């Protein structure tokens, strides 16, 4: 026997799946998890930043319209991705010269953009909009 699910319950489940799916895509783009289609770890920080910015937009546009559980899921996903993004920007590796130049440009762009509302120093320390360390 199949029980009927209310539209509200269905939407809550779909929202959770949507956020988790987008967050997993960003983690793949950050090179933190394997791409299941290729079986490889792939890193594309530009795409990761765009995906994280999309989640941030969702956070802003849905403010006040989510349940506490949904808001917490969104906030945790965004925070986790932002921290992982900064970690990848500061990752010390010996990329090919062209990749190194691209990574340096991404890091410079992120610094200019204030990386997701706050700022990040060259040491990777998160800073608020006035340049003071975040607590």
Protein backbone atom coordinates (compact mmCIF):
# COMPACT_ATOMS: atom_id res chain seq x y z
CA UNK A 1 0.00 0.00 0.00
CA UNK A 2 1.37 3.39 -0.99
CA UNK A 3 0.92 6.26 1.42
CA UNK A 4 0.32 9.67 -0.01
CA UNK A 5 2.85 12.35 0.70
CA UNK A 6 1.81 15.95 0.98
CA UNK A 7 3.16 18.44 -1.50
CA UNK A 8 4.91 20.24 1.38
CA UNK A 9 6.75 17.06 2.44
CA UNK A 10 7.67 16.33 -1.17
CA UNK A 11 9.06 19.86 -1.66
CA UNK A 12 11.10 19.61 1.56
CA UNK A 13 12.66 16.35 0.40
CA UNK A 14 13.32 17.76 -3.07
CA UNK A 15 14.93 20.87 -1.60
CA UNK A 16 17.28 18.74 0.54
CA UNK A 17 18.22 16.60 -2.48
CA UNK A 18 18.78 19.75 -4.58
CA UNK A 19 21.14 21.35 -2.02
CA UNK A 20 23.05 18.12 -1.44
CA UNK A 21 23.36 17.59 -5.21
CA UNK A 22 24.71 21.08 -5.84
CA UNK A 23 27.09 20.80 -2.87
CA UNK A 24 28.40 17.47 -4.18
CA UNK A 25 28.97 19.03 -7.59
CA UNK A 26 30.99 21.81 -5.97
CA UNK A 27 33.03 19.26 -4.00
CA UNK A 28 33.82 17.48 -7.27
CA UNK A 29 34.84 20.79 -8.84
CA UNK A 30 37.08 21.47 -5.85
CA UNK A 31 38.78 18.12 -6.41
CA UNK A 32 37.67 16.86 -3.01
CA UNK A 33 35.66 13.90 -4.33
CA UNK A 34 35.89 11.77 -7.44
CA UNK A 35 33.79 12.49 -10.52
CA UNK A 36 31.64 9.33 -10.79
CA UNK A 37 31.40 9.66 -14.59
CA UNK A 38 35.15 9.75 -15.23
CA UNK A 39 36.41 7.97 -12.13
CA UNK A 40 38.96 10.77 -11.68
CA UNK A 41 39.60 13.60 -9.26
CA UNK A 42 39.15 16.78 -11.27
CA UNK A 43 39.78 20.31 -10.05
CA UNK A 44 38.17 23.41 -11.57
CA UNK A 45 38.20 26.25 -9.05
CA UNK A 46 36.46 28.68 -11.41
CA UNK A 47 33.47 26.36 -11.74
CA UNK A 48 33.56 25.62 -8.01
CA UNK A 49 33.41 29.34 -7.20
CA UNK A 50 30.47 29.79 -9.60
CA UNK A 51 28.61 26.90 -7.95
CA UNK A 52 29.33 28.25 -4.46
CA UNK A 53 28.13 31.69 -5.56
CA UNK A 54 24.92 30.04 -6.80
CA UNK A 55 24.34 28.48 -3.38
CA UNK A 56 25.02 31.85 -1.74
CA UNK A 57 22.42 33.43 -4.06
CA UNK A 58 19.92 30.75 -2.99
CA UNK A 59 20.70 31.52 0.65
CA UNK A 60 19.99 35.22 0.13
CA UNK A 61 16.89 34.77 -2.05
CA UNK A 62 15.25 32.17 0.23
CA UNK A 63 15.93 34.00 3.50
CA UNK A 64 12.85 33.84 5.71
CA UNK A 65 11.14 31.24 3.50
CA UNK A 66 12.84 28.08 4.73
CA UNK A 67 12.20 25.86 7.71
CA UNK A 68 14.89 25.89 10.39
CA UNK A 69 16.13 22.51 9.18
CA UNK A 70 16.33 23.67 5.56
CA UNK A 71 18.14 26.88 6.55
CA UNK A 72 20.66 24.93 8.61
CA UNK A 73 21.30 22.53 5.72
CA UNK A 74 21.89 25.43 3.34
CA UNK A 75 24.09 27.33 5.82
CA UNK A 76 26.21 24.25 6.63
CA UNK A 77 26.65 23.34 2.97
CA UNK A 78 27.71 26.88 2.07
CA UNK A 79 30.10 27.22 5.01
CA UNK A 80 31.70 23.84 4.28
CA UNK A 81 32.17 24.70 0.60
CA UNK A 82 33.62 28.13 1.33
CA UNK A 83 36.17 26.65 3.74
CA UNK A 84 37.11 23.95 1.23
CA UNK A 85 37.42 26.54 -1.53
CA UNK A 86 39.86 28.62 0.53
CA UNK A 87 41.73 25.41 1.40
CA UNK A 88 42.12 24.62 -2.30
CA UNK A 89 43.25 28.17 -3.10
CA UNK A 90 45.98 27.87 -0.50
CA UNK A 91 46.96 24.31 -1.42
CA UNK A 92 50.66 24.01 -2.00
CA UNK A 93 51.34 21.86 -5.02
CA UNK A 94 53.68 21.94 -7.96
CA UNK A 95 51.30 22.40 -10.92
CA UNK A 96 52.48 22.78 -14.49
CA UNK A 97 53.49 26.36 -15.22
CA UNK A 98 50.25 27.21 -17.06
CA UNK A 99 48.13 25.68 -14.30
CA UNK A 100 50.17 27.58 -11.73
CA UNK A 101 49.50 30.86 -13.50
CA UNK A 102 45.75 30.07 -13.67
CA UNK A 103 45.70 29.20 -9.96
CA UNK A 104 47.51 32.44 -9.12
CA UNK A 105 44.98 34.42 -11.17
CA UNK A 106 42.06 32.67 -9.39
CA UNK A 107 43.62 33.41 -6.01
CA UNK A 108 44.13 37.06 -6.96
CA UNK A 109 40.54 37.33 -8.24
CA UNK A 110 39.21 35.74 -5.06
CA UNK A 111 41.23 38.17 -2.96
CA UNK A 112 39.87 41.13 -4.96
CA UNK A 113 36.30 39.81 -4.70
CA UNK A 114 36.68 39.44 -0.95
CA UNK A 115 35.95 35.69 -1.30
CA UNK A 116 32.32 35.27 -0.40
CA UNK A 117 31.44 38.40 1.51
CA UNK A 118 34.47 38.40 3.86
CA UNK A 119 38.09 38.65 2.81
CA UNK A 120 40.91 36.16 2.91
CA UNK A 121 44.48 37.20 3.53
CA UNK A 122 47.36 35.65 1.60
CA UNK A 123 47.92 33.38 4.60
CA UNK A 124 44.37 32.08 4.19
CA UNK A 125 43.01 33.77 7.30
CA UNK A 126 39.38 34.71 6.84
CA UNK A 127 38.76 38.39 7.43
CA UNK A 128 35.62 40.48 7.72
CA UNK A 129 34.75 43.28 5.32
CA UNK A 130 36.86 45.75 7.37
CA UNK A 131 39.93 43.49 7.08
CA UNK A 132 39.86 42.27 10.69
CA UNK A 133 40.19 38.51 11.42
CA UNK A 134 36.86 36.72 11.69
CA UNK A 135 36.16 35.00 14.99
